[in-house]
């Protein structure tokens, strides 16, 4: 069973996006490829910083996919 959590794109660093979730704050953000976020959400690179998303998390805590909130 998967869980859905709020996620926010803090900023982009090269080809990686730094993302916060309830379990990972700004001091230890998740890093996700920008290309993956563009593909999964349909948002362009310039619209990602500050974007509010939904992270679908698997049973093992892995981020399975991202959706627009």
PDB file of N, CA and C in Angstrom:
ATOM      1  N   UNK A   1       0.851  -1.179   0.000  1.00  0.00           N
ATOM      2  CA  UNK A   1       0.000   0.000   0.000  1.00  0.00           C
ATOM      3  C   UNK A   1       0.894   1.239   0.000  1.00  0.00           C
ATOM      4  N   UNK A   2       0.504   2.245  -0.729  1.00  0.00           N
ATOM      5  CA  UNK A   2       1.298   3.467  -0.800  1.00  0.00           C
ATOM      6  C   UNK A   2       0.632   4.577   0.001  1.00  0.00           C
ATOM      7  N   UNK A   3       1.447   5.540   0.369  1.00  0.00           N
ATOM      8  CA  UNK A   3       1.001   6.698   1.140  1.00  0.00           C
ATOM      9  C   UNK A   3       1.200   7.940   0.284  1.00  0.00           C
ATOM     10  N   UNK A   4       0.374   8.931   0.468  1.00  0.00           N
ATOM     11  CA  UNK A   4       0.489  10.193  -0.257  1.00  0.00           C
ATOM     12  C   UNK A   4       0.859  11.285   0.743  1.00  0.00           C
ATOM     13  N   UNK A   5       1.942  12.015   0.444  1.00  0.00           N
ATOM     14  CA  UNK A   5       2.430  13.063   1.339  1.00  0.00           C
ATOM     15  C   UNK A   5       2.586  14.378   0.590  1.00  0.00           C
ATOM     16  N   UNK A   6       2.374  15.505   1.269  1.00  0.00           N
ATOM     17  CA  UNK A   6       2.655  16.792   0.628  1.00  0.00           C
ATOM     18  C   UNK A   6       4.165  16.938   0.431  1.00  0.00           C
ATOM     19  N   UNK A   7       4.541  17.556  -0.671  1.00  0.00           N
ATOM     20  CA  UNK A   7       5.955  17.792  -0.979  1.00  0.00           C
ATOM     21  C   UNK A   7       6.076  19.169  -1.616  1.00  0.00           C
ATOM     22  N   UNK A   8       7.174  19.847  -1.322  1.00  0.00           N
ATOM     23  CA  UNK A   8       7.429  21.170  -1.882  1.00  0.00           C
ATOM     24  C   UNK A   8       8.813  21.181  -2.515  1.00  0.00           C
ATOM     25  N   UNK A   9       8.888  21.720  -3.727  1.00  0.00           N
ATOM     26  CA  UNK A   9      10.183  21.874  -4.390  1.00  0.00           C
ATOM     27  C   UNK A   9      10.813  23.158  -3.858  1.00  0.00           C
ATOM     28  N   UNK A  10      11.928  23.020  -3.139  1.00  0.00           N
ATOM     29  CA  UNK A  10      12.608  24.191  -2.587  1.00  0.00           C
ATOM     30  C   UNK A  10      13.352  24.948  -3.674  1.00  0.00           C
ATOM     31  N   UNK A  11      14.241  24.228  -4.364  1.00  0.00           N
ATOM     32  CA  UNK A  11      15.066  24.864  -5.383  1.00  0.00           C
ATOM     33  C   UNK A  11      15.672  23.798  -6.272  1.00  0.00           C
ATOM     34  N   UNK A  12      16.259  24.263  -7.373  1.00  0.00           N
ATOM     35  CA  UNK A  12      16.938  23.376  -8.309  1.00  0.00           C
ATOM     36  C   UNK A  12      18.433  23.628  -8.204  1.00  0.00           C
ATOM     37  N   UNK A  13      19.191  22.533  -8.196  1.00  0.00           N
ATOM     38  CA  UNK A  13      20.653  22.609  -8.150  1.00  0.00           C
ATOM     39  C   UNK A  13      21.144  21.767  -9.320  1.00  0.00           C
ATOM     40  N   UNK A  14      21.505  22.424 -10.416  1.00  0.00           N
ATOM     41  CA  UNK A  14      21.898  21.683 -11.607  1.00  0.00           C
ATOM     42  C   UNK A  14      20.731  20.861 -12.122  1.00  0.00           C
ATOM     43  N   UNK A  15      20.946  19.559 -12.245  1.00  0.00           N
ATOM     44  CA  UNK A  15      19.885  18.689 -12.755  1.00  0.00           C
ATOM     45  C   UNK A  15      19.090  18.012 -11.634  1.00  0.00           C
ATOM     46  N   UNK A  16      19.250  18.489 -10.382  1.00  0.00           N
ATOM     47  CA  UNK A  16      18.546  17.926  -9.228  1.00  0.00           C
ATOM     48  C   UNK A  16      17.621  18.961  -8.597  1.00  0.00           C
ATOM     49  N   UNK A  17      16.495  18.479  -8.087  1.00  0.00           N
ATOM     50  CA  UNK A  17      15.572  19.323  -7.331  1.00  0.00           C
ATOM     51  C   UNK A  17      15.655  18.925  -5.867  1.00  0.00           C
ATOM     52  N   UNK A  18      15.651  19.896  -4.980  1.00  0.00           N
ATOM     53  CA  UNK A  18      15.603  19.630  -3.547  1.00  0.00           C
ATOM     54  C   UNK A  18      14.152  19.768  -3.103  1.00  0.00           C
ATOM     55  N   UNK A  19      13.658  18.707  -2.463  1.00  0.00           N
ATOM     56  CA  UNK A  19      12.248  18.606  -2.117  1.00  0.00           C
ATOM     57  C   UNK A  19      12.084  18.318  -0.634  1.00  0.00           C
ATOM     58  N   UNK A  20      11.149  19.025  -0.004  1.00  0.00           N
ATOM     59  CA  UNK A  20      10.831  18.743   1.392  1.00  0.00           C
ATOM     60  C   UNK A  20       9.533  17.947   1.462  1.00  0.00           C
ATOM     61  N   UNK A  21       9.467  17.107   2.479  1.00  0.00           N
ATOM     62  CA  UNK A  21       8.274  16.328   2.798  1.00  0.00           C
ATOM     63  C   UNK A  21       8.125  16.377   4.322  1.00  0.00           C
ATOM     64  N   UNK A  22       7.042  15.861   4.868  1.00  0.00           N
ATOM     65  CA  UNK A  22       6.916  15.879   6.323  1.00  0.00           C
ATOM     66  C   UNK A  22       8.075  15.181   7.047  1.00  0.00           C
ATOM     67  N   UNK A  23       8.703  14.217   6.401  1.00  0.00           N
ATOM     68  CA  UNK A  23       9.805  13.513   7.057  1.00  0.00           C
ATOM     69  C   UNK A  23      11.190  14.048   6.687  1.00  0.00           C
ATOM     70  N   UNK A  24      11.263  14.957   5.704  1.00  0.00           N
ATOM     71  CA  UNK A  24      12.556  15.521   5.282  1.00  0.00           C
ATOM     72  C   UNK A  24      12.388  17.032   5.137  1.00  0.00           C
ATOM     73  N   UNK A  25      12.945  17.793   6.070  1.00  0.00           N
ATOM     74  CA  UNK A  25      12.791  19.251   6.014  1.00  0.00           C
ATOM     75  C   UNK A  25      13.926  19.892   5.214  1.00  0.00           C
ATOM     76  N   UNK A  26      14.011  21.208   5.279  1.00  0.00           N
ATOM     77  CA  UNK A  26      14.978  21.955   4.476  1.00  0.00           C
ATOM     78  C   UNK A  26      16.431  21.676   4.862  1.00  0.00           C
ATOM     79  N   UNK A  27      16.658  21.113   6.037  1.00  0.00           N
ATOM     80  CA  UNK A  27      18.032  20.799   6.438  1.00  0.00           C
ATOM     81  C   UNK A  27      18.521  19.483   5.842  1.00  0.00           C
ATOM     82  N   UNK A  28      17.600  18.657   5.359  1.00  0.00           N
ATOM     83  CA  UNK A  28      17.950  17.355   4.774  1.00  0.00           C
ATOM     84  C   UNK A  28      16.934  16.986   3.693  1.00  0.00           C
ATOM     85  N   UNK A  29      16.831  17.798   2.622  1.00  0.00           N
ATOM     86  CA  UNK A  29      15.806  17.551   1.609  1.00  0.00           C
ATOM     87  C   UNK A  29      16.114  16.318   0.755  1.00  0.00           C
ATOM     88  N   UNK A  30      15.063  15.780   0.159  1.00  0.00           N
ATOM     89  CA  UNK A  30      15.206  14.726  -0.843  1.00  0.00           C
ATOM     90  C   UNK A  30      15.799  15.372  -2.093  1.00  0.00           C
ATOM     91  N   UNK A  31      16.603  14.633  -2.817  1.00  0.00           N
ATOM     92  CA  UNK A  31      17.105  15.100  -4.115  1.00  0.00           C
ATOM     93  C   UNK A  31      16.522  14.199  -5.190  1.00  0.00           C
ATOM     94  N   UNK A  32      15.897  14.830  -6.167  1.00  0.00           N
ATOM     95  CA  UNK A  32      15.203  14.118  -7.236  1.00  0.00           C
ATOM     96  C   UNK A  32      15.608  14.754  -8.565  1.00  0.00           C
ATOM     97  N   UNK A  33      15.840  13.943  -9.600  1.00  0.00           N
ATOM     98  CA  UNK A  33      16.177  14.520 -10.900  1.00  0.00           C
ATOM     99  C   UNK A  33      15.068  15.449 -11.423  1.00  0.00           C
ATOM    100  N   UNK A  34      15.463  16.608 -11.917  1.00  0.00           N
ATOM    101  CA  UNK A  34      14.511  17.575 -12.473  1.00  0.00           C
ATOM    102  C   UNK A  34      13.730  16.925 -13.614  1.00  0.00           C
ATOM    103  N   UNK A  35      14.398  16.165 -14.446  1.00  0.00           N
ATOM    104  CA  UNK A  35      13.750  15.513 -15.595  1.00  0.00           C
ATOM    105  C   UNK A  35      12.603  14.625 -15.131  1.00  0.00           C
ATOM    106  N   UNK A  36      12.795  13.930 -14.030  1.00  0.00           N
ATOM    107  CA  UNK A  36      11.737  13.058 -13.494  1.00  0.00           C
ATOM    108  C   UNK A  36      10.521  13.877 -13.081  1.00  0.00           C
ATOM    109  N   UNK A  37      10.757  14.991 -12.384  1.00  0.00           N
ATOM    110  CA  UNK A  37       9.634  15.839 -11.965  1.00  0.00           C
ATOM    111  C   UNK A  37       8.906  16.426 -13.165  1.00  0.00           C
ATOM    112  N   UNK A  38       9.659  16.852 -14.168  1.00  0.00           N
ATOM    113  CA  UNK A  38       9.024  17.386 -15.382  1.00  0.00           C
ATOM    114  C   UNK A  38       8.130  16.323 -16.025  1.00  0.00           C
ATOM    115  N   UNK A  39       8.639  15.115 -16.135  1.00  0.00           N
ATOM    116  CA  UNK A  39       7.905  14.010 -16.771  1.00  0.00           C
ATOM    117  C   UNK A  39       6.665  13.629 -15.956  1.00  0.00           C
ATOM    118  N   UNK A  40       6.813  13.495 -14.641  1.00  0.00           N
ATOM    119  CA  UNK A  40       5.713  13.011 -13.815  1.00  0.00           C
ATOM    120  C   UNK A  40       4.650  14.060 -13.529  1.00  0.00           C
ATOM    121  N   UNK A  41       5.033  15.326 -13.453  1.00  0.00           N
ATOM    122  CA  UNK A  41       4.061  16.378 -13.107  1.00  0.00           C
ATOM    123  C   UNK A  41       3.588  17.192 -14.301  1.00  0.00           C
ATOM    124  N   UNK A  42       4.371  17.191 -15.389  1.00  0.00           N
ATOM    125  CA  UNK A  42       4.030  18.018 -16.542  1.00  0.00           C
ATOM    126  C   UNK A  42       4.442  19.471 -16.368  1.00  0.00           C
ATOM    127  N   UNK A  43       5.098  19.794 -15.262  1.00  0.00           N
ATOM    128  CA  UNK A  43       5.570  21.163 -15.032  1.00  0.00           C
ATOM    129  C   UNK A  43       6.920  21.364 -15.712  1.00  0.00           C
ATOM    130  N   UNK A  44       7.121  22.531 -16.283  1.00  0.00           N
ATOM    131  CA  UNK A  44       8.414  22.841 -16.889  1.00  0.00           C
ATOM    132  C   UNK A  44       9.411  23.211 -15.798  1.00  0.00           C
ATOM    133  N   UNK A  45      10.682  23.129 -16.124  1.00  0.00           N
ATOM    134  CA  UNK A  45      11.756  23.408 -15.166  1.00  0.00           C
ATOM    135  C   UNK A  45      11.568  24.752 -14.473  1.00  0.00           C
ATOM    136  N   UNK A  46      11.196  25.787 -15.213  1.00  0.00           N
ATOM    137  CA  UNK A  46      11.076  27.119 -14.615  1.00  0.00           C
ATOM    138  C   UNK A  46       9.880  27.241 -13.668  1.00  0.00           C
ATOM    139  N   UNK A  47       8.951  26.285 -13.708  1.00  0.00           N
ATOM    140  CA  UNK A  47       7.792  26.320 -12.806  1.00  0.00           C
ATOM    141  C   UNK A  47       7.961  25.424 -11.583  1.00  0.00           C
ATOM    142  N   UNK A  48       9.059  24.668 -11.516  1.00  0.00           N
ATOM    143  CA  UNK A  48       9.245  23.737 -10.401  1.00  0.00           C
ATOM    144  C   UNK A  48       9.596  24.397  -9.067  1.00  0.00           C
ATOM    145  N   UNK A  49      10.520  25.369  -9.010  1.00  0.00           N
ATOM    146  CA  UNK A  49      10.836  25.953  -7.704  1.00  0.00           C
ATOM    147  C   UNK A  49       9.586  26.538  -7.035  1.00  0.00           C
ATOM    148  N   UNK A  50       9.331  26.096  -5.811  1.00  0.00           N
ATOM    149  CA  UNK A  50       8.154  26.558  -5.076  1.00  0.00           C
ATOM    150  C   UNK A  50       6.905  25.742  -5.326  1.00  0.00           C
ATOM    151  N   UNK A  51       6.952  24.794  -6.266  1.00  0.00           N
ATOM    152  CA  UNK A  51       5.764  24.010  -6.604  1.00  0.00           C
ATOM    153  C   UNK A  51       5.343  23.119  -5.436  1.00  0.00           C
ATOM    154  N   UNK A  52       4.047  23.070  -5.196  1.00  0.00           N
ATOM    155  CA  UNK A  52       3.459  22.179  -4.196  1.00  0.00           C
ATOM    156  C   UNK A  52       3.044  20.905  -4.923  1.00  0.00           C
ATOM    157  N   UNK A  53       3.568  19.779  -4.469  1.00  0.00           N
ATOM    158  CA  UNK A  53       3.316  18.495  -5.112  1.00  0.00           C
ATOM    159  C   UNK A  53       2.779  17.497  -4.095  1.00  0.00           C
ATOM    160  N   UNK A  54       2.410  16.334  -4.604  1.00  0.00           N
ATOM    161  CA  UNK A  54       2.065  15.186  -3.780  1.00  0.00           C
ATOM    162  C   UNK A  54       3.072  14.100  -4.110  1.00  0.00           C
ATOM    163  N   UNK A  55       3.718  13.564  -3.085  1.00  0.00           N
ATOM    164  CA  UNK A  55       4.658  12.458  -3.271  1.00  0.00           C
ATOM    165  C   UNK A  55       3.938  11.165  -2.910  1.00  0.00           C
ATOM    166  N   UNK A  56       3.998  10.201  -3.820  1.00  0.00           N
ATOM    167  CA  UNK A  56       3.446   8.878  -3.542  1.00  0.00           C
ATOM    168  C   UNK A  56       4.612   8.025  -3.053  1.00  0.00           C
ATOM    169  N   UNK A  57       4.479   7.520  -1.828  1.00  0.00           N
ATOM    170  CA  UNK A  57       5.566   6.814  -1.150  1.00  0.00           C
ATOM    171  C   UNK A  57       5.196   5.352  -0.971  1.00  0.00           C
ATOM    172  N   UNK A  58       6.127   4.469  -1.331  1.00  0.00           N
ATOM    173  CA  UNK A  58       5.903   3.033  -1.176  1.00  0.00           C
ATOM    174  C   UNK A  58       6.090   2.586   0.257  1.00  0.00           C
ATOM    175  N   UNK A  59       5.802   1.321   0.509  1.00  0.00           N
ATOM    176  CA  UNK A  59       5.908   0.757   1.859  1.00  0.00           C
ATOM    177  C   UNK A  59       7.312   0.857   2.432  1.00  0.00           C
ATOM    178  N   UNK A  60       8.310   0.846   1.551  1.00  0.00           N
ATOM    179  CA  UNK A  60       9.701   0.913   2.005  1.00  0.00           C
ATOM    180  C   UNK A  60      10.212   2.343   2.149  1.00  0.00           C
ATOM    181  N   UNK A  61       9.325   3.326   1.969  1.00  0.00           N
ATOM    182  CA  UNK A  61       9.707   4.731   2.083  1.00  0.00           C
ATOM    183  C   UNK A  61      10.229   5.339   0.804  1.00  0.00           C
ATOM    184  N   UNK A  62      10.303   4.543  -0.271  1.00  0.00           N
ATOM    185  CA  UNK A  62      10.790   5.048  -1.561  1.00  0.00           C
ATOM    186  C   UNK A  62       9.749   5.967  -2.198  1.00  0.00           C
ATOM    187  N   UNK A  63      10.225   7.063  -2.776  1.00  0.00           N
ATOM    188  CA  UNK A  63       9.337   7.985  -3.482  1.00  0.00           C
ATOM    189  C   UNK A  63       9.032   7.380  -4.851  1.00  0.00           C
ATOM    190  N   UNK A  64       7.807   6.894  -5.004  1.00  0.00           N
ATOM    191  CA  UNK A  64       7.428   6.194  -6.232  1.00  0.00           C
ATOM    192  C   UNK A  64       7.152   7.141  -7.382  1.00  0.00           C
ATOM    193  N   UNK A  65       6.459   8.222  -7.087  1.00  0.00           N
ATOM    194  CA  UNK A  65       6.148   9.203  -8.140  1.00  0.00           C
ATOM    195  C   UNK A  65       5.676  10.508  -7.486  1.00  0.00           C
ATOM    196  N   UNK A  66       5.612  11.535  -8.319  1.00  0.00           N
ATOM    197  CA  UNK A  66       5.136  12.851  -7.887  1.00  0.00           C
ATOM    198  C   UNK A  66       3.977  13.270  -8.756  1.00  0.00           C
ATOM    199  N   UNK A  67       3.033  13.962  -8.154  1.00  0.00           N
ATOM    200  CA  UNK A  67       1.854  14.481  -8.849  1.00  0.00           C
ATOM    201  C   UNK A  67       1.671  15.933  -8.451  1.00  0.00           C
ATOM    202  N   UNK A  68       0.944  16.665  -9.282  1.00  0.00           N
ATOM    203  CA  UNK A  68       0.582  18.040  -8.901  1.00  0.00           C
ATOM    204  C   UNK A  68      -0.399  17.974  -7.734  1.00  0.00           C
ATOM    205  N   UNK A  69      -0.248  18.906  -6.831  1.00  0.00           N
ATOM    206  CA  UNK A  69      -1.145  18.933  -5.653  1.00  0.00           C
ATOM    207  C   UNK A  69      -2.517  19.436  -6.045  1.00  0.00           C
TER     208      UNK A  69
END
